[in-house]
N, C-alpha and C. Protein backbone atom coordinates (compact mmCIF):
# COMPACT_ATOMS: atom_id res chain seq x y z
N MET A 1 74.94 164.42 79.30
CA MET A 1 74.08 164.93 78.26
C MET A 1 73.79 163.82 77.25
N ASP A 2 72.52 163.66 76.87
CA ASP A 2 72.14 162.63 75.90
C ASP A 2 72.29 163.17 74.49
N THR A 3 72.72 162.27 73.58
CA THR A 3 72.81 162.60 72.18
C THR A 3 71.80 161.73 71.44
N TYR A 4 70.95 162.34 70.61
CA TYR A 4 69.96 161.59 69.85
C TYR A 4 69.85 162.19 68.47
N ILE A 5 69.97 161.33 67.46
CA ILE A 5 69.85 161.76 66.07
C ILE A 5 68.67 161.02 65.46
N GLU A 6 67.77 161.73 64.82
CA GLU A 6 66.61 161.12 64.19
C GLU A 6 67.07 160.40 62.92
N LEU A 7 66.99 159.08 62.92
CA LEU A 7 67.45 158.28 61.79
C LEU A 7 66.35 157.35 61.30
N LYS A 8 66.44 156.99 60.02
CA LYS A 8 65.55 155.98 59.46
C LYS A 8 66.04 154.62 59.92
N ASP A 9 65.11 153.72 60.21
CA ASP A 9 65.49 152.37 60.61
C ASP A 9 65.83 151.57 59.35
N VAL A 10 67.10 151.23 59.18
CA VAL A 10 67.54 150.53 57.97
C VAL A 10 67.65 149.02 58.18
N ARG A 11 67.27 148.55 59.36
CA ARG A 11 67.41 147.12 59.62
C ARG A 11 66.52 146.27 58.73
N VAL A 12 65.25 146.62 58.58
CA VAL A 12 64.33 145.79 57.79
C VAL A 12 64.76 145.75 56.33
N THR A 13 65.02 146.92 55.75
CA THR A 13 65.46 146.92 54.34
C THR A 13 66.82 146.24 54.20
N GLY A 14 67.64 146.34 55.23
CA GLY A 14 68.92 145.63 55.21
C GLY A 14 68.73 144.13 55.23
N TYR A 15 67.82 143.65 56.09
CA TYR A 15 67.55 142.21 56.15
C TYR A 15 66.96 141.70 54.85
N VAL A 16 66.04 142.47 54.28
CA VAL A 16 65.45 142.07 52.99
C VAL A 16 66.54 142.01 51.92
N SER A 17 67.40 143.03 51.88
CA SER A 17 68.50 143.04 50.91
C SER A 17 69.40 141.84 51.09
N MET A 18 69.79 141.57 52.34
CA MET A 18 70.67 140.44 52.60
C MET A 18 70.00 139.12 52.20
N GLY A 19 68.72 138.99 52.50
CA GLY A 19 68.00 137.76 52.14
C GLY A 19 67.94 137.55 50.64
N LEU A 20 67.63 138.62 49.90
CA LEU A 20 67.56 138.50 48.44
C LEU A 20 68.94 138.26 47.83
N ILE A 21 69.96 138.89 48.39
CA ILE A 21 71.32 138.68 47.90
C ILE A 21 71.74 137.23 48.15
N ALA A 22 71.43 136.70 49.33
CA ALA A 22 71.75 135.30 49.63
C ALA A 22 70.97 134.37 48.72
N LEU A 23 69.73 134.73 48.41
CA LEU A 23 68.92 133.91 47.50
C LEU A 23 69.52 133.88 46.10
N VAL A 24 70.03 135.02 45.64
CA VAL A 24 70.70 135.07 44.33
C VAL A 24 71.90 134.14 44.33
N ALA A 25 72.69 134.18 45.39
CA ALA A 25 73.87 133.30 45.47
C ALA A 25 73.45 131.83 45.50
N ALA A 26 72.42 131.51 46.28
CA ALA A 26 71.95 130.12 46.36
C ALA A 26 71.42 129.65 45.01
N GLU A 27 70.69 130.50 44.34
CA GLU A 27 70.16 130.17 43.01
C GLU A 27 71.30 129.96 42.02
N SER A 28 72.34 130.76 42.14
CA SER A 28 73.50 130.62 41.27
C SER A 28 74.20 129.28 41.52
N VAL A 29 74.31 128.90 42.79
CA VAL A 29 74.91 127.60 43.12
C VAL A 29 74.07 126.47 42.55
N TRP A 30 72.76 126.55 42.75
CA TRP A 30 71.85 125.52 42.23
C TRP A 30 71.96 125.41 40.70
N GLY A 31 71.99 126.57 40.04
CA GLY A 31 72.11 126.57 38.58
C GLY A 31 73.42 125.97 38.11
N THR A 32 74.49 126.25 38.82
CA THR A 32 75.80 125.70 38.42
C THR A 32 75.84 124.20 38.64
N ILE A 33 75.29 123.74 39.75
CA ILE A 33 75.22 122.28 39.98
C ILE A 33 74.42 121.63 38.87
N ASN A 34 73.34 122.26 38.49
CA ASN A 34 72.52 121.76 37.39
C ASN A 34 73.31 121.76 36.08
N ASP A 35 74.13 122.80 35.86
CA ASP A 35 74.97 122.86 34.66
C ASP A 35 75.98 121.72 34.63
N TRP A 36 76.58 121.42 35.78
CA TRP A 36 77.57 120.34 35.85
C TRP A 36 76.95 119.00 35.47
N GLN A 37 75.66 118.85 35.77
CA GLN A 37 74.96 117.60 35.47
C GLN A 37 74.36 117.60 34.08
N GLY A 38 74.70 118.62 33.29
CA GLY A 38 74.21 118.68 31.91
C GLY A 38 72.79 119.16 31.80
N GLY A 39 72.28 119.80 32.82
CA GLY A 39 70.90 120.27 32.83
C GLY A 39 70.72 121.56 32.06
N SER A 40 69.57 122.12 32.23
CA SER A 40 69.18 123.35 31.54
C SER A 40 69.90 124.56 32.14
N SER A 41 70.19 125.52 31.28
CA SER A 41 70.82 126.75 31.73
C SER A 41 69.81 127.75 32.30
N SER A 42 68.54 127.36 32.34
CA SER A 42 67.51 128.28 32.83
C SER A 42 67.69 128.60 34.30
N TRP A 43 68.30 127.70 35.08
CA TRP A 43 68.56 127.99 36.50
C TRP A 43 69.54 129.14 36.63
N SER A 44 70.58 129.13 35.82
CA SER A 44 71.54 130.23 35.86
C SER A 44 70.89 131.53 35.41
N PHE A 45 70.03 131.44 34.41
CA PHE A 45 69.31 132.63 33.94
C PHE A 45 68.41 133.17 35.04
N LEU A 46 67.77 132.28 35.79
CA LEU A 46 66.90 132.71 36.88
C LEU A 46 67.71 133.45 37.94
N ALA A 47 68.91 132.98 38.22
CA ALA A 47 69.77 133.67 39.20
C ALA A 47 70.11 135.07 38.71
N ILE A 48 70.38 135.21 37.42
CA ILE A 48 70.69 136.53 36.85
C ILE A 48 69.46 137.44 36.99
N MET A 49 68.27 136.90 36.73
CA MET A 49 67.06 137.70 36.82
C MET A 49 66.72 138.08 38.26
N MET A 50 67.13 137.27 39.22
CA MET A 50 66.86 137.58 40.62
C MET A 50 67.75 138.71 41.14
N VAL A 51 68.78 139.05 40.39
CA VAL A 51 69.64 140.17 40.77
C VAL A 51 68.83 141.47 40.77
N ILE A 52 67.83 141.57 39.92
CA ILE A 52 67.05 142.81 39.82
C ILE A 52 66.32 143.14 41.13
N PRO A 53 65.50 142.23 41.70
CA PRO A 53 64.86 142.59 42.98
C PRO A 53 65.88 142.77 44.11
N ALA A 54 66.97 142.02 44.08
CA ALA A 54 68.01 142.21 45.09
C ALA A 54 68.63 143.60 44.94
N GLY A 55 68.85 144.02 43.71
CA GLY A 55 69.41 145.35 43.45
C GLY A 55 68.46 146.45 43.89
N VAL A 56 67.18 146.27 43.63
CA VAL A 56 66.18 147.27 44.05
C VAL A 56 66.14 147.37 45.57
N ALA A 57 66.13 146.23 46.25
CA ALA A 57 66.13 146.24 47.72
C ALA A 57 67.40 146.90 48.25
N PHE A 58 68.54 146.63 47.63
CA PHE A 58 69.79 147.25 48.06
C PHE A 58 69.74 148.76 47.87
N VAL A 59 69.21 149.22 46.75
CA VAL A 59 69.13 150.67 46.50
C VAL A 59 68.23 151.33 47.53
N ILE A 60 67.12 150.70 47.88
CA ILE A 60 66.24 151.26 48.91
C ILE A 60 66.98 151.35 50.25
N TRP A 61 67.68 150.27 50.61
CA TRP A 61 68.47 150.29 51.85
C TRP A 61 69.55 151.37 51.78
N PHE A 62 70.25 151.44 50.66
CA PHE A 62 71.36 152.37 50.52
C PHE A 62 70.90 153.82 50.62
N ARG A 63 69.75 154.13 50.04
CA ARG A 63 69.23 155.51 50.13
C ARG A 63 68.97 155.90 51.57
N SER A 64 68.37 155.00 52.33
CA SER A 64 68.11 155.28 53.75
C SER A 64 69.40 155.35 54.55
N ALA A 65 70.33 154.43 54.27
CA ALA A 65 71.61 154.43 54.98
C ALA A 65 72.41 155.69 54.65
N THR A 66 72.32 156.17 53.42
CA THR A 66 73.01 157.40 53.03
C THR A 66 72.39 158.60 53.75
N HIS A 67 71.07 158.63 53.81
CA HIS A 67 70.38 159.70 54.54
C HIS A 67 70.85 159.73 55.99
N ASN A 68 70.89 158.56 56.62
CA ASN A 68 71.34 158.47 58.01
C ASN A 68 72.79 158.92 58.15
N ALA A 69 73.64 158.47 57.25
CA ALA A 69 75.07 158.80 57.33
C ALA A 69 75.28 160.31 57.23
N GLU A 70 74.50 160.96 56.37
CA GLU A 70 74.62 162.42 56.25
C GLU A 70 74.15 163.10 57.54
N ALA A 71 73.13 162.57 58.17
CA ALA A 71 72.65 163.14 59.43
C ALA A 71 73.66 162.94 60.55
N ILE A 72 74.33 161.81 60.53
CA ILE A 72 75.32 161.50 61.58
C ILE A 72 76.58 162.35 61.39
N ALA A 73 77.10 162.38 60.16
CA ALA A 73 78.40 163.01 59.92
C ALA A 73 78.30 164.48 59.52
N LEU A 74 77.10 164.94 59.18
CA LEU A 74 76.93 166.30 58.67
C LEU A 74 77.92 166.57 57.54
N HIS A 75 77.97 165.63 56.63
CA HIS A 75 78.95 165.65 55.54
C HIS A 75 78.31 165.00 54.33
N GLY A 76 78.63 165.45 53.13
CA GLY A 76 78.10 164.84 51.92
C GLY A 76 78.56 163.39 51.80
N VAL A 77 77.62 162.48 51.72
CA VAL A 77 77.92 161.06 51.67
C VAL A 77 77.25 160.47 50.44
N ARG A 78 78.03 159.83 49.57
CA ARG A 78 77.48 159.28 48.33
C ARG A 78 77.90 157.84 48.06
N MET A 79 78.99 157.38 48.65
CA MET A 79 79.52 156.04 48.35
C MET A 79 79.45 155.16 49.60
N VAL A 80 79.49 153.85 49.39
CA VAL A 80 79.41 152.90 50.50
C VAL A 80 80.54 153.16 51.51
N SER A 81 81.74 153.42 51.03
CA SER A 81 82.85 153.66 51.95
C SER A 81 82.59 154.90 52.80
N GLN A 82 81.96 155.92 52.23
CA GLN A 82 81.63 157.12 53.00
C GLN A 82 80.52 156.85 54.02
N VAL A 83 79.56 156.00 53.62
CA VAL A 83 78.49 155.63 54.56
C VAL A 83 79.11 154.90 55.75
N TRP A 84 80.07 154.02 55.47
CA TRP A 84 80.75 153.30 56.55
C TRP A 84 81.46 154.28 57.48
N LYS A 85 82.24 155.18 56.88
CA LYS A 85 82.99 156.15 57.69
C LYS A 85 82.07 156.99 58.56
N ALA A 86 80.97 157.44 58.00
CA ALA A 86 80.04 158.28 58.75
C ALA A 86 79.33 157.49 59.84
N SER A 87 79.09 156.21 59.60
CA SER A 87 78.28 155.39 60.50
C SER A 87 79.07 154.75 61.63
N ASP A 88 80.37 154.74 61.55
CA ASP A 88 81.20 154.04 62.53
C ASP A 88 81.31 154.85 63.82
N PRO A 89 80.65 154.40 64.90
CA PRO A 89 80.71 155.16 66.14
C PRO A 89 82.11 155.19 66.76
N ALA A 90 82.93 154.22 66.45
CA ALA A 90 84.29 154.20 66.99
C ALA A 90 85.14 155.34 66.42
N GLN A 91 84.74 155.88 65.27
CA GLN A 91 85.50 156.96 64.63
C GLN A 91 84.79 158.31 64.76
N ARG A 92 83.84 158.41 65.65
CA ARG A 92 83.01 159.61 65.79
C ARG A 92 83.84 160.87 66.02
N GLU A 93 84.89 160.78 66.79
CA GLU A 93 85.70 161.96 67.12
C GLU A 93 86.81 162.23 66.12
N VAL A 94 86.98 161.35 65.13
CA VAL A 94 88.03 161.51 64.12
C VAL A 94 87.47 162.39 63.00
N PRO A 95 88.25 163.35 62.49
CA PRO A 95 87.77 164.15 61.35
C PRO A 95 87.37 163.23 60.18
N PHE A 96 86.29 163.57 59.49
CA PHE A 96 85.72 162.70 58.46
C PHE A 96 86.77 162.28 57.42
N ALA A 97 87.61 163.21 56.98
CA ALA A 97 88.61 162.90 55.95
C ALA A 97 89.64 161.87 56.42
N GLN A 98 89.80 161.73 57.72
CA GLN A 98 90.79 160.79 58.27
C GLN A 98 90.17 159.46 58.70
N ARG A 99 88.88 159.33 58.60
CA ARG A 99 88.22 158.08 58.99
C ARG A 99 88.55 156.98 57.98
N VAL A 100 88.46 155.76 58.44
CA VAL A 100 88.82 154.61 57.62
C VAL A 100 87.57 153.75 57.40
N ALA A 101 87.36 153.35 56.16
CA ALA A 101 86.24 152.46 55.84
C ALA A 101 86.71 151.01 55.96
N SER A 102 85.79 150.10 55.94
CA SER A 102 86.12 148.69 56.00
C SER A 102 86.98 148.30 54.80
N PRO A 103 88.03 147.51 55.04
CA PRO A 103 88.85 147.06 53.92
C PRO A 103 88.13 146.01 53.05
N LEU A 104 86.95 145.58 53.46
CA LEU A 104 86.21 144.57 52.69
C LEU A 104 85.30 145.18 51.63
N ILE A 105 85.14 146.50 51.63
CA ILE A 105 84.25 147.14 50.66
C ILE A 105 84.78 146.97 49.24
N ARG A 106 86.05 147.25 49.02
CA ARG A 106 86.62 147.14 47.67
C ARG A 106 86.58 145.69 47.16
N PRO A 107 86.97 144.67 47.96
CA PRO A 107 86.85 143.29 47.46
C PRO A 107 85.40 142.91 47.13
N TRP A 108 84.44 143.43 47.91
CA TRP A 108 83.04 143.15 47.61
C TRP A 108 82.69 143.72 46.23
N GLN A 109 83.07 144.97 45.98
CA GLN A 109 82.75 145.60 44.71
C GLN A 109 83.42 144.87 43.54
N LEU A 110 84.66 144.46 43.74
CA LEU A 110 85.39 143.76 42.67
C LEU A 110 84.82 142.37 42.41
N THR A 111 84.44 141.64 43.46
CA THR A 111 83.85 140.31 43.23
C THR A 111 82.48 140.44 42.58
N PHE A 112 81.75 141.51 42.92
CA PHE A 112 80.46 141.73 42.26
C PHE A 112 80.67 141.98 40.76
N LEU A 113 81.63 142.83 40.42
CA LEU A 113 81.92 143.09 39.00
C LEU A 113 82.39 141.83 38.29
N ALA A 114 83.21 141.02 38.97
CA ALA A 114 83.67 139.76 38.38
C ALA A 114 82.48 138.81 38.16
N MET A 115 81.53 138.81 39.08
CA MET A 115 80.33 137.99 38.92
C MET A 115 79.54 138.41 37.69
N VAL A 116 79.34 139.73 37.55
CA VAL A 116 78.59 140.24 36.39
C VAL A 116 79.32 139.90 35.09
N LEU A 117 80.63 140.09 35.07
CA LEU A 117 81.41 139.74 33.88
C LEU A 117 81.30 138.25 33.58
N GLY A 118 81.38 137.43 34.62
CA GLY A 118 81.23 135.98 34.44
C GLY A 118 79.86 135.63 33.90
N ASP A 119 78.81 136.32 34.39
CA ASP A 119 77.46 136.08 33.90
C ASP A 119 77.33 136.45 32.42
N VAL A 120 77.94 137.57 32.03
CA VAL A 120 77.88 137.99 30.63
C VAL A 120 78.60 136.97 29.75
N LEU A 121 79.80 136.57 30.16
CA LEU A 121 80.55 135.58 29.37
C LEU A 121 79.84 134.24 29.34
N GLU A 122 79.25 133.88 30.45
CA GLU A 122 78.48 132.63 30.52
C GLU A 122 77.34 132.66 29.51
N SER A 123 76.64 133.78 29.42
CA SER A 123 75.52 133.92 28.48
C SER A 123 75.99 133.87 27.03
N LEU A 124 77.16 134.48 26.77
CA LEU A 124 77.68 134.49 25.40
C LEU A 124 78.20 133.12 24.97
N LEU A 125 78.59 132.29 25.91
CA LEU A 125 79.18 130.98 25.61
C LEU A 125 78.22 129.85 25.92
N LEU A 126 76.93 130.10 25.77
CA LEU A 126 75.89 129.19 26.21
C LEU A 126 76.05 127.75 25.71
N ASP A 127 76.34 127.54 24.46
CA ASP A 127 76.40 126.18 23.91
C ASP A 127 77.82 125.71 23.66
N THR A 128 78.76 126.19 24.44
CA THR A 128 80.16 125.79 24.28
C THR A 128 80.64 125.10 25.55
N PRO A 129 81.77 124.39 25.45
CA PRO A 129 82.32 123.74 26.65
C PRO A 129 82.75 124.75 27.73
N LEU A 130 83.05 125.98 27.35
CA LEU A 130 83.46 126.99 28.32
C LEU A 130 82.31 127.51 29.17
N TYR A 131 81.09 127.21 28.76
CA TYR A 131 79.92 127.68 29.50
C TYR A 131 79.99 127.27 30.97
N VAL A 132 80.26 125.99 31.22
CA VAL A 132 80.30 125.49 32.60
C VAL A 132 81.44 126.13 33.39
N VAL A 133 82.55 126.41 32.73
CA VAL A 133 83.68 127.06 33.40
C VAL A 133 83.27 128.45 33.89
N PHE A 134 82.67 129.24 33.01
CA PHE A 134 82.27 130.59 33.41
C PHE A 134 81.08 130.58 34.35
N SER A 135 80.22 129.59 34.22
CA SER A 135 79.12 129.43 35.16
C SER A 135 79.67 129.18 36.56
N THR A 136 80.68 128.33 36.65
CA THR A 136 81.30 128.03 37.95
C THR A 136 82.02 129.24 38.52
N LEU A 137 82.79 129.92 37.67
CA LEU A 137 83.50 131.13 38.13
C LEU A 137 82.51 132.21 38.59
N SER A 138 81.45 132.38 37.84
CA SER A 138 80.43 133.36 38.20
C SER A 138 79.79 133.01 39.54
N THR A 139 79.55 131.73 39.75
CA THR A 139 78.95 131.29 41.01
C THR A 139 79.89 131.52 42.19
N LEU A 140 81.16 131.23 42.02
CA LEU A 140 82.13 131.48 43.08
C LEU A 140 82.19 132.97 43.42
N CYS A 141 82.17 133.79 42.39
CA CYS A 141 82.15 135.25 42.62
C CYS A 141 80.85 135.68 43.29
N ALA A 142 79.73 135.06 42.89
CA ALA A 142 78.44 135.40 43.49
C ALA A 142 78.43 135.07 44.98
N ILE A 143 79.01 133.94 45.35
CA ILE A 143 79.07 133.56 46.76
C ILE A 143 79.93 134.56 47.54
N GLY A 144 81.09 134.89 46.98
CA GLY A 144 81.97 135.87 47.63
C GLY A 144 81.33 137.24 47.73
N ALA A 145 80.75 137.71 46.64
CA ALA A 145 80.11 139.03 46.63
C ALA A 145 78.92 139.07 47.58
N ALA A 146 78.14 138.00 47.62
CA ALA A 146 76.98 137.95 48.51
C ALA A 146 77.42 138.00 49.98
N GLY A 147 78.42 137.21 50.30
CA GLY A 147 78.91 137.21 51.68
C GLY A 147 79.44 138.57 52.12
N LEU A 148 80.23 139.18 51.26
CA LEU A 148 80.79 140.50 51.58
C LEU A 148 79.70 141.56 51.63
N ALA A 149 78.75 141.51 50.69
CA ALA A 149 77.66 142.49 50.69
C ALA A 149 76.83 142.37 51.96
N CYS A 150 76.50 141.14 52.34
CA CYS A 150 75.71 140.95 53.56
C CYS A 150 76.46 141.45 54.79
N TYR A 151 77.76 141.22 54.83
CA TYR A 151 78.55 141.72 55.96
C TYR A 151 78.51 143.25 56.02
N VAL A 152 78.74 143.90 54.88
CA VAL A 152 78.77 145.37 54.85
C VAL A 152 77.40 145.94 55.21
N ILE A 153 76.33 145.40 54.64
CA ILE A 153 74.98 145.87 54.94
C ILE A 153 74.67 145.69 56.43
N PHE A 154 74.98 144.52 56.95
CA PHE A 154 74.70 144.23 58.36
C PHE A 154 75.46 145.17 59.28
N ARG A 155 76.75 145.32 59.04
CA ARG A 155 77.58 146.17 59.91
C ARG A 155 77.14 147.64 59.88
N ILE A 156 76.87 148.16 58.68
CA ILE A 156 76.43 149.56 58.58
C ILE A 156 75.09 149.73 59.29
N SER A 157 74.18 148.78 59.09
CA SER A 157 72.87 148.87 59.75
C SER A 157 73.02 148.86 61.26
N ILE A 158 73.88 148.00 61.78
CA ILE A 158 74.09 147.92 63.23
C ILE A 158 74.77 149.18 63.75
N MET A 159 75.77 149.66 63.02
CA MET A 159 76.45 150.89 63.46
C MET A 159 75.49 152.06 63.50
N GLN A 160 74.64 152.18 62.48
CA GLN A 160 73.69 153.29 62.45
C GLN A 160 72.66 153.16 63.57
N GLN A 161 72.30 151.95 63.92
CA GLN A 161 71.33 151.75 64.98
C GLN A 161 71.88 152.26 66.32
N ARG A 162 73.19 152.20 66.51
CA ARG A 162 73.79 152.71 67.74
C ARG A 162 73.58 154.22 67.87
N PHE A 163 73.51 154.91 66.74
CA PHE A 163 73.27 156.36 66.77
C PHE A 163 71.79 156.67 66.97
N ALA A 164 70.92 155.72 66.66
CA ALA A 164 69.48 155.97 66.69
C ALA A 164 68.90 155.87 68.10
N VAL A 165 69.63 155.27 69.03
CA VAL A 165 69.12 155.18 70.39
C VAL A 165 69.85 156.17 71.27
N PRO A 166 69.15 156.77 72.22
CA PRO A 166 69.83 157.74 73.10
C PRO A 166 70.97 157.06 73.85
N GLN A 167 72.12 157.74 73.87
CA GLN A 167 73.29 157.23 74.57
C GLN A 167 73.89 158.36 75.39
N ARG A 168 74.45 158.00 76.50
CA ARG A 168 75.14 158.99 77.32
C ARG A 168 76.42 159.40 76.65
N ARG A 169 76.67 160.67 76.62
CA ARG A 169 77.92 161.18 76.06
C ARG A 169 79.00 161.04 77.12
N ARG A 170 80.13 160.47 76.73
CA ARG A 170 81.23 160.27 77.67
C ARG A 170 82.07 161.54 77.77
N GLY A 171 82.63 161.73 78.92
CA GLY A 171 83.58 162.82 79.05
C GLY A 171 83.04 163.93 79.81
C-alpha cells in the first residue's frame, strides 16, 4: 500500500534561508576583519541589517515546514524541535511524545542568542577598545549559529521531502 501526504515543498525557501543566513555570517566575518584593521564599523552594521531578510526567509520556510509537520504527525507543532520530531521518518512509528529532536537545535538557538547579545554590546561599545572584542565574539557566534541553522533547515527539508513522495509501506 502506498502512503502519500500532500506537503508544501520547503526546499526552495530552505535554500534561500540557508543562503541568506550564510551571507549574514560571511558579512559578519568581513566586518570583523575590517574592524581588526581599524576600518569602519559599517560592515558590521550591514551584517546586522542583513539579519532581517534572512529572518523573513526563515519565517516563510518555518511556516511551511510547520504546516507539513502537522500534516505528517497529525499533532500540534509550533517549535523547531517539534517540527524535527514530526518530520523524522525514522521515528514515524514512535509515539510523538517519545520522539527525539536533534541535539543540535538547542546549541543553535543559544549561539543565535549569543550572537544577538554580542551585536547589541558591540553597538553600545562602538568607540571603545572592547568594540573589536565583542565584534569578534559576535562573529564567532554568527558562524556557529549559521552553520547549525543551515544544518537544521537542510535536514528538516530533506526529511519532509521523504514524506512528499509516494513510498511503499513496509510490513
